[in-house]
């Protein structure tokens, strides 16, 4: 850290200007504290930032310790800080969605696009179309027993949501809805009508793109 001018050192910058003034790699630099011989802390934190950018929420200790200069202790500190941020801050909250493309831009939705297992999400919205919460309801192959209306709408009721959007990924890359996908969509739409919570859409996403069941005329 000594080779970095004092005014540009992440910790001093945070103290003087606050955390919001720091770039991501600078925040990481504050957490890890120091670099290695021949590589300053910002160089190391830049590589760590690349790992998080590439793998999103799938970062593991093994991914982090593959960065030269990052041992298990630092990797644990980083993952702990990431989890605290995830628990106490919803990056989707307050964002307004009016079409499938805007749903796809939500951080939690983008995070499941490349997952190797199917993730089924519910995004609750207020009357203005703003996101209240985005939650993963199930992980694994979808069937009617896994995605039951009782669980699917429990959080929407707690949130006093006016509407909900369902999203799930297809690890195979296919965007065609399966028979279980169609059955679940019908079941959830009917349940939403009874509860007074509108199902705005059910999106299938994959690395190849997305498909809106509403736009397809299925919902």
C-alpha atoms as a PDB file:
ATOM      1  CA  UNK A   1       0.000   0.000   0.000  1.00  0.00           C
ATOM      2  CA  UNK A   2       2.986   2.290   0.559  1.00  0.00           C
ATOM      3  CA  UNK A   3       3.453   2.760  -3.198  1.00  0.00           C
ATOM      4  CA  UNK A   4      -0.047   4.284  -3.510  1.00  0.00           C
ATOM      5  CA  UNK A   5      -0.313   8.027  -2.681  1.00  0.00           C
ATOM      6  CA  UNK A   6      -2.052   8.472   0.658  1.00  0.00           C
ATOM      7  CA  UNK A   7      -4.955  10.454  -0.846  1.00  0.00           C
ATOM      8  CA  UNK A   8      -5.687   7.521  -3.204  1.00  0.00           C
ATOM      9  CA  UNK A   9      -5.489   4.741  -0.637  1.00  0.00           C
ATOM     10  CA  UNK A  10      -8.902   3.042  -0.402  1.00  0.00           C
ATOM     11  CA  UNK A  11      -9.125   3.073   3.388  1.00  0.00           C
ATOM     12  CA  UNK A  12      -8.227   6.761   3.663  1.00  0.00           C
ATOM     13  CA  UNK A  13     -10.587   7.568   0.791  1.00  0.00           C
ATOM     14  CA  UNK A  14     -13.419   5.718   2.543  1.00  0.00           C
ATOM     15  CA  UNK A  15     -12.803   7.601   5.797  1.00  0.00           C
ATOM     16  CA  UNK A  16     -12.753  10.954   4.030  1.00  0.00           C
ATOM     17  CA  UNK A  17     -15.495  10.507   1.413  1.00  0.00           C
ATOM     18  CA  UNK A  18     -17.572   7.519   2.534  1.00  0.00           C
ATOM     19  CA  UNK A  19     -17.992   4.020   1.097  1.00  0.00           C
ATOM     20  CA  UNK A  20     -20.208   5.159  -1.793  1.00  0.00           C
ATOM     21  CA  UNK A  21     -17.301   7.133  -3.268  1.00  0.00           C
ATOM     22  CA  UNK A  22     -15.198   3.992  -3.754  1.00  0.00           C
ATOM     23  CA  UNK A  23     -15.091   1.803  -6.832  1.00  0.00           C
ATOM     24  CA  UNK A  24     -15.760  -1.905  -6.364  1.00  0.00           C
ATOM     25  CA  UNK A  25     -12.085  -2.845  -6.483  1.00  0.00           C
ATOM     26  CA  UNK A  26     -11.341  -0.191  -3.867  1.00  0.00           C
ATOM     27  CA  UNK A  27     -13.998  -1.635  -1.541  1.00  0.00           C
ATOM     28  CA  UNK A  28     -12.440  -5.067  -2.037  1.00  0.00           C
ATOM     29  CA  UNK A  29      -9.027  -3.568  -1.293  1.00  0.00           C
ATOM     30  CA  UNK A  30     -10.322  -2.277   2.066  1.00  0.00           C
ATOM     31  CA  UNK A  31     -11.478  -5.807   2.935  1.00  0.00           C
ATOM     32  CA  UNK A  32      -8.293  -7.663   1.955  1.00  0.00           C
ATOM     33  CA  UNK A  33      -5.986  -4.976   3.379  1.00  0.00           C
ATOM     34  CA  UNK A  34      -2.821  -5.586   1.407  1.00  0.00           C
ATOM     35  CA  UNK A  35      -1.417  -6.995  -1.796  1.00  0.00           C
ATOM     36  CA  UNK A  36       1.533  -9.315  -2.348  1.00  0.00           C
ATOM     37  CA  UNK A  37       5.177  -8.850  -3.210  1.00  0.00           C
ATOM     38  CA  UNK A  38       5.306  -7.165  -6.606  1.00  0.00           C
ATOM     39  CA  UNK A  39       1.523  -6.634  -6.803  1.00  0.00           C
ATOM     40  CA  UNK A  40      -0.216  -3.847  -4.931  1.00  0.00           C
ATOM     41  CA  UNK A  41      -3.572  -4.272  -3.255  1.00  0.00           C
ATOM     42  CA  UNK A  42      -5.501  -2.676  -6.129  1.00  0.00           C
ATOM     43  CA  UNK A  43      -4.029  -5.129  -8.630  1.00  0.00           C
ATOM     44  CA  UNK A  44      -5.093  -8.067  -6.477  1.00  0.00           C
ATOM     45  CA  UNK A  45      -8.528  -6.583  -5.773  1.00  0.00           C
ATOM     46  CA  UNK A  46      -9.011  -5.985  -9.512  1.00  0.00           C
ATOM     47  CA  UNK A  47      -8.606  -9.719 -10.163  1.00  0.00           C
ATOM     48  CA  UNK A  48     -11.018 -10.499  -7.331  1.00  0.00           C
ATOM     49  CA  UNK A  49     -13.543  -8.093  -8.859  1.00  0.00           C
ATOM     50  CA  UNK A  50     -13.236  -9.980 -12.161  1.00  0.00           C
ATOM     51  CA  UNK A  51     -14.078 -13.240 -10.373  1.00  0.00           C
ATOM     52  CA  UNK A  52     -17.251 -11.747  -8.876  1.00  0.00           C
ATOM     53  CA  UNK A  53     -18.218 -10.156 -12.216  1.00  0.00           C
ATOM     54  CA  UNK A  54     -17.829 -13.468 -14.034  1.00  0.00           C
ATOM     55  CA  UNK A  55     -19.452 -15.817 -11.543  1.00  0.00           C
ATOM     56  CA  UNK A  56     -21.925 -13.468  -9.808  1.00  0.00           C
ATOM     57  CA  UNK A  57     -23.443 -15.299  -6.806  1.00  0.00           C
ATOM     58  CA  UNK A  58     -21.702 -18.610  -7.594  1.00  0.00           C
ATOM     59  CA  UNK A  59     -18.292 -17.521  -6.284  1.00  0.00           C
ATOM     60  CA  UNK A  60     -16.595 -20.150  -4.098  1.00  0.00           C
ATOM     61  CA  UNK A  61     -13.534 -20.215  -1.869  1.00  0.00           C
ATOM     62  CA  UNK A  62     -11.766 -22.186  -4.600  1.00  0.00           C
ATOM     63  CA  UNK A  63     -12.481 -19.445  -7.168  1.00  0.00           C
ATOM     64  CA  UNK A  64     -11.029 -16.785  -4.877  1.00  0.00           C
ATOM     65  CA  UNK A  65      -7.958 -18.705  -3.730  1.00  0.00           C
ATOM     66  CA  UNK A  66      -7.080 -19.211  -7.398  1.00  0.00           C
ATOM     67  CA  UNK A  67      -6.202 -15.482  -7.444  1.00  0.00           C
ATOM     68  CA  UNK A  68      -2.502 -15.104  -6.530  1.00  0.00           C
ATOM     69  CA  UNK A  69      -2.204 -13.590  -3.071  1.00  0.00           C
ATOM     70  CA  UNK A  70      -5.633 -14.685  -1.836  1.00  0.00           C
ATOM     71  CA  UNK A  71      -5.563 -17.365   0.853  1.00  0.00           C
ATOM     72  CA  UNK A  72      -8.446 -19.075   2.574  1.00  0.00           C
ATOM     73  CA  UNK A  73      -8.664 -16.412   5.298  1.00  0.00           C
ATOM     74  CA  UNK A  74      -9.082 -13.569   2.802  1.00  0.00           C
ATOM     75  CA  UNK A  75     -11.468 -15.661   0.707  1.00  0.00           C
ATOM     76  CA  UNK A  76     -13.631 -16.258   3.778  1.00  0.00           C
ATOM     77  CA  UNK A  77     -13.617 -12.530   4.608  1.00  0.00           C
ATOM     78  CA  UNK A  78     -14.755 -11.686   1.075  1.00  0.00           C
ATOM     79  CA  UNK A  79     -17.542 -14.279   0.979  1.00  0.00           C
ATOM     80  CA  UNK A  80     -18.747 -13.213   4.429  1.00  0.00           C
ATOM     81  CA  UNK A  81     -18.874  -9.547   3.336  1.00  0.00           C
ATOM     82  CA  UNK A  82     -20.709 -10.520   0.142  1.00  0.00           C
ATOM     83  CA  UNK A  83     -23.303 -12.527   2.076  1.00  0.00           C
ATOM     84  CA  UNK A  84     -23.885  -9.709   4.580  1.00  0.00           C
ATOM     85  CA  UNK A  85     -24.470  -7.304   1.671  1.00  0.00           C
ATOM     86  CA  UNK A  86     -26.887  -9.774   0.064  1.00  0.00           C
ATOM     87  CA  UNK A  87     -28.873 -10.249   3.275  1.00  0.00           C
ATOM     88  CA  UNK A  88     -29.194  -6.609   4.225  1.00  0.00           C
ATOM     89  CA  UNK A  89     -29.542  -5.001   0.817  1.00  0.00           C
ATOM     90  CA  UNK A  90     -31.964  -5.996  -1.956  1.00  0.00           C
ATOM     91  CA  UNK A  91     -30.455  -4.689  -5.193  1.00  0.00           C
ATOM     92  CA  UNK A  92     -33.789  -5.131  -6.964  1.00  0.00           C
ATOM     93  CA  UNK A  93     -35.907  -3.128  -4.521  1.00  0.00           C
ATOM     94  CA  UNK A  94     -37.647  -0.073  -5.946  1.00  0.00           C
ATOM     95  CA  UNK A  95     -36.819  -0.837  -9.594  1.00  0.00           C
ATOM     96  CA  UNK A  96     -39.850  -0.464 -11.856  1.00  0.00           C
ATOM     97  CA  UNK A  97     -40.682  -3.158 -14.404  1.00  0.00           C
ATOM     98  CA  UNK A  98     -43.200  -2.792 -17.219  1.00  0.00           C
ATOM     99  CA  UNK A  99     -41.981  -5.413 -19.717  1.00  0.00           C
ATOM    100  CA  UNK A 100     -39.955  -8.659 -19.851  1.00  0.00           C
ATOM    101  CA  UNK A 101     -36.737  -6.869 -20.820  1.00  0.00           C
ATOM    102  CA  UNK A 102     -36.838  -4.808 -17.631  1.00  0.00           C
ATOM    103  CA  UNK A 103     -37.392  -7.953 -15.559  1.00  0.00           C
ATOM    104  CA  UNK A 104     -34.302  -9.483 -17.166  1.00  0.00           C
ATOM    105  CA  UNK A 105     -32.213  -6.502 -16.012  1.00  0.00           C
ATOM    106  CA  UNK A 106     -32.887  -7.236 -12.337  1.00  0.00           C
ATOM    107  CA  UNK A 107     -29.637  -8.429 -10.700  1.00  0.00           C
ATOM    108  CA  UNK A 108     -31.192 -11.526  -9.101  1.00  0.00           C
ATOM    109  CA  UNK A 109     -32.790 -12.600 -12.380  1.00  0.00           C
ATOM    110  CA  UNK A 110     -29.578 -12.189 -14.350  1.00  0.00           C
ATOM    111  CA  UNK A 111     -27.755 -14.210 -11.685  1.00  0.00           C
ATOM    112  CA  UNK A 112     -29.739 -17.405 -12.421  1.00  0.00           C
ATOM    113  CA  UNK A 113     -29.435 -17.290 -16.214  1.00  0.00           C
ATOM    114  CA  UNK A 114     -26.354 -19.533 -16.330  1.00  0.00           C
ATOM    115  CA  UNK A 115     -27.053 -21.729 -13.301  1.00  0.00           C
ATOM    116  CA  UNK A 116     -26.670 -25.485 -13.768  1.00  0.00           C
ATOM    117  CA  UNK A 117     -29.898 -26.216 -11.883  1.00  0.00           C
ATOM    118  CA  UNK A 118     -33.351 -24.804 -12.474  1.00  0.00           C
ATOM    119  CA  UNK A 119     -34.160 -21.888 -10.163  1.00  0.00           C
ATOM    120  CA  UNK A 120     -37.765 -20.746  -9.857  1.00  0.00           C
ATOM    121  CA  UNK A 121     -38.159 -17.128  -8.744  1.00  0.00           C
ATOM    122  CA  UNK A 122     -41.052 -14.919  -7.685  1.00  0.00           C
ATOM    123  CA  UNK A 123     -40.741 -11.151  -8.074  1.00  0.00           C
ATOM    124  CA  UNK A 124     -43.322  -9.228  -6.078  1.00  0.00           C
ATOM    125  CA  UNK A 125     -44.463  -5.791  -7.252  1.00  0.00           C
ATOM    126  CA  UNK A 126     -46.422  -2.953  -5.692  1.00  0.00           C
ATOM    127  CA  UNK A 127     -49.284  -1.101  -7.357  1.00  0.00           C
ATOM    128  CA  UNK A 128     -46.842   1.195  -9.175  1.00  0.00           C
ATOM    129  CA  UNK A 129     -45.037  -1.764 -10.753  1.00  0.00           C
ATOM    130  CA  UNK A 130     -41.991  -1.326  -8.512  1.00  0.00           C
ATOM    131  CA  UNK A 131     -40.107  -4.361  -7.249  1.00  0.00           C
ATOM    132  CA  UNK A 132     -40.682  -5.202  -3.602  1.00  0.00           C
ATOM    133  CA  UNK A 133     -38.550  -8.347  -3.461  1.00  0.00           C
ATOM    134  CA  UNK A 134     -37.111 -10.997  -5.775  1.00  0.00           C
ATOM    135  CA  UNK A 135     -36.900 -14.428  -4.185  1.00  0.00           C
ATOM    136  CA  UNK A 136     -35.843 -17.917  -5.258  1.00  0.00           C
ATOM    137  CA  UNK A 137     -38.615 -20.342  -4.314  1.00  0.00           C
ATOM    138  CA  UNK A 138     -37.181 -23.667  -5.482  1.00  0.00           C
ATOM    139  CA  UNK A 139     -33.981 -25.126  -6.879  1.00  0.00           C
ATOM    140  CA  UNK A 140     -34.097 -28.269  -9.024  1.00  0.00           C
ATOM    141  CA  UNK A 141     -36.371 -29.716 -11.689  1.00  0.00           C
ATOM    142  CA  UNK A 142     -39.783 -28.102 -11.658  1.00  0.00           C
ATOM    143  CA  UNK A 143     -42.961 -30.001 -10.948  1.00  0.00           C
ATOM    144  CA  UNK A 144     -46.302 -29.180  -9.425  1.00  0.00           C
ATOM    145  CA  UNK A 145     -45.374 -30.558  -6.011  1.00  0.00           C
ATOM    146  CA  UNK A 146     -42.331 -28.293  -5.737  1.00  0.00           C
ATOM    147  CA  UNK A 147     -43.979 -25.048  -6.832  1.00  0.00           C
ATOM    148  CA  UNK A 148     -47.215 -25.038  -4.878  1.00  0.00           C
ATOM    149  CA  UNK A 149     -49.402 -21.891  -4.871  1.00  0.00           C
ATOM    150  CA  UNK A 150     -49.262 -21.824  -1.077  1.00  0.00           C
ATOM    151  CA  UNK A 151     -45.486 -21.303  -1.130  1.00  0.00           C
ATOM    152  CA  UNK A 152     -45.462 -19.275  -4.333  1.00  0.00           C
ATOM    153  CA  UNK A 153     -47.837 -16.626  -2.958  1.00  0.00           C
ATOM    154  CA  UNK A 154     -46.941 -16.702   0.750  1.00  0.00           C
ATOM    155  CA  UNK A 155     -44.323 -13.962   0.414  1.00  0.00           C
ATOM    156  CA  UNK A 156     -46.482 -11.974  -2.010  1.00  0.00           C
ATOM    157  CA  UNK A 157     -49.217 -11.872   0.621  1.00  0.00           C
ATOM    158  CA  UNK A 158     -46.705 -10.811   3.294  1.00  0.00           C
ATOM    159  CA  UNK A 159     -45.372  -8.120   0.953  1.00  0.00           C
ATOM    160  CA  UNK A 160     -48.936  -6.901   0.274  1.00  0.00           C
ATOM    161  CA  UNK A 161     -48.011  -7.208  -3.382  1.00  0.00           C
ATOM    162  CA  UNK A 162     -50.374  -6.126  -6.156  1.00  0.00           C
ATOM    163  CA  UNK A 163     -48.745  -8.386  -8.725  1.00  0.00           C
ATOM    164  CA  UNK A 164     -46.054 -10.995  -9.212  1.00  0.00           C
ATOM    165  CA  UNK A 165     -43.792 -12.112 -12.037  1.00  0.00           C
ATOM    166  CA  UNK A 166     -42.454 -15.664 -12.070  1.00  0.00           C
ATOM    167  CA  UNK A 167     -39.113 -16.497 -13.675  1.00  0.00           C
ATOM    168  CA  UNK A 168     -37.205 -19.738 -14.069  1.00  0.00           C
ATOM    169  CA  UNK A 169     -34.110 -20.767 -15.998  1.00  0.00           C
ATOM    170  CA  UNK A 170     -33.523 -23.687 -18.351  1.00  0.00           C
ATOM    171  CA  UNK A 171     -29.926 -24.946 -17.961  1.00  0.00           C
ATOM    172  CA  UNK A 172     -30.326 -26.864 -21.258  1.00  0.00           C
ATOM    173  CA  UNK A 173     -30.585 -23.558 -23.119  1.00  0.00           C
ATOM    174  CA  UNK A 174     -34.011 -24.385 -24.567  1.00  0.00           C
ATOM    175  CA  UNK A 175     -36.653 -21.684 -24.311  1.00  0.00           C
ATOM    176  CA  UNK A 176     -39.584 -23.979 -25.045  1.00  0.00           C
ATOM    177  CA  UNK A 177     -41.949 -24.402 -22.057  1.00  0.00           C
ATOM    178  CA  UNK A 178     -42.265 -27.978 -20.865  1.00  0.00           C
ATOM    179  CA  UNK A 179     -45.548 -29.630 -19.890  1.00  0.00           C
ATOM    180  CA  UNK A 180     -44.788 -28.996 -16.173  1.00  0.00           C
ATOM    181  CA  UNK A 181     -43.979 -25.348 -16.997  1.00  0.00           C
ATOM    182  CA  UNK A 182     -47.388 -24.911 -18.609  1.00  0.00           C
ATOM    183  CA  UNK A 183     -49.205 -26.722 -15.799  1.00  0.00           C
ATOM    184  CA  UNK A 184     -47.494 -24.642 -13.122  1.00  0.00           C
ATOM    185  CA  UNK A 185     -48.256 -21.412 -14.991  1.00  0.00           C
ATOM    186  CA  UNK A 186     -51.971 -22.250 -15.215  1.00  0.00           C
ATOM    187  CA  UNK A 187     -52.097 -23.295 -11.557  1.00  0.00           C
ATOM    188  CA  UNK A 188     -50.368 -20.142 -10.328  1.00  0.00           C
ATOM    189  CA  UNK A 189     -52.437 -17.838 -12.530  1.00  0.00           C
ATOM    190  CA  UNK A 190     -55.673 -19.347 -11.184  1.00  0.00           C
ATOM    191  CA  UNK A 191     -54.410 -19.056  -7.596  1.00  0.00           C
ATOM    192  CA  UNK A 192     -53.446 -15.424  -8.181  1.00  0.00           C
ATOM    193  CA  UNK A 193     -56.929 -14.619  -9.433  1.00  0.00           C
ATOM    194  CA  UNK A 194     -58.444 -16.065  -6.256  1.00  0.00           C
ATOM    195  CA  UNK A 195     -56.027 -14.093  -4.064  1.00  0.00           C
ATOM    196  CA  UNK A 196     -56.359 -10.844  -5.980  1.00  0.00           C
ATOM    197  CA  UNK A 197     -52.667 -10.867  -6.910  1.00  0.00           C
ATOM    198  CA  UNK A 198     -52.156 -10.588 -10.659  1.00  0.00           C
ATOM    199  CA  UNK A 199     -49.617 -12.859 -12.344  1.00  0.00           C
ATOM    200  CA  UNK A 200     -48.143 -10.459 -14.897  1.00  0.00           C
ATOM    201  CA  UNK A 201     -45.872 -12.938 -16.641  1.00  0.00           C
ATOM    202  CA  UNK A 202     -43.876 -16.142 -16.407  1.00  0.00           C
ATOM    203  CA  UNK A 203     -40.472 -15.871 -18.063  1.00  0.00           C
ATOM    204  CA  UNK A 204     -38.219 -18.710 -19.149  1.00  0.00           C
ATOM    205  CA  UNK A 205     -34.588 -17.614 -19.415  1.00  0.00           C
ATOM    206  CA  UNK A 206     -31.387 -19.298 -20.527  1.00  0.00           C
ATOM    207  CA  UNK A 207     -28.001 -18.430 -21.950  1.00  0.00           C
ATOM    208  CA  UNK A 208     -29.717 -18.225 -25.363  1.00  0.00           C
ATOM    209  CA  UNK A 209     -32.266 -15.582 -24.412  1.00  0.00           C
ATOM    210  CA  UNK A 210     -35.733 -15.492 -22.891  1.00  0.00           C
ATOM    211  CA  UNK A 211     -39.363 -16.310 -23.589  1.00  0.00           C
ATOM    212  CA  UNK A 212     -42.387 -14.565 -22.143  1.00  0.00           C
ATOM    213  CA  UNK A 213     -45.345 -16.892 -21.699  1.00  0.00           C
ATOM    214  CA  UNK A 214     -47.608 -13.846 -21.668  1.00  0.00           C
ATOM    215  CA  UNK A 215     -46.325 -12.614 -25.014  1.00  0.00           C
ATOM    216  CA  UNK A 216     -46.622 -16.156 -26.332  1.00  0.00           C
ATOM    217  CA  UNK A 217     -50.310 -16.113 -25.441  1.00  0.00           C
ATOM    218  CA  UNK A 218     -49.969 -18.930 -22.923  1.00  0.00           C
ATOM    219  CA  UNK A 219     -50.625 -16.850 -19.800  1.00  0.00           C
END
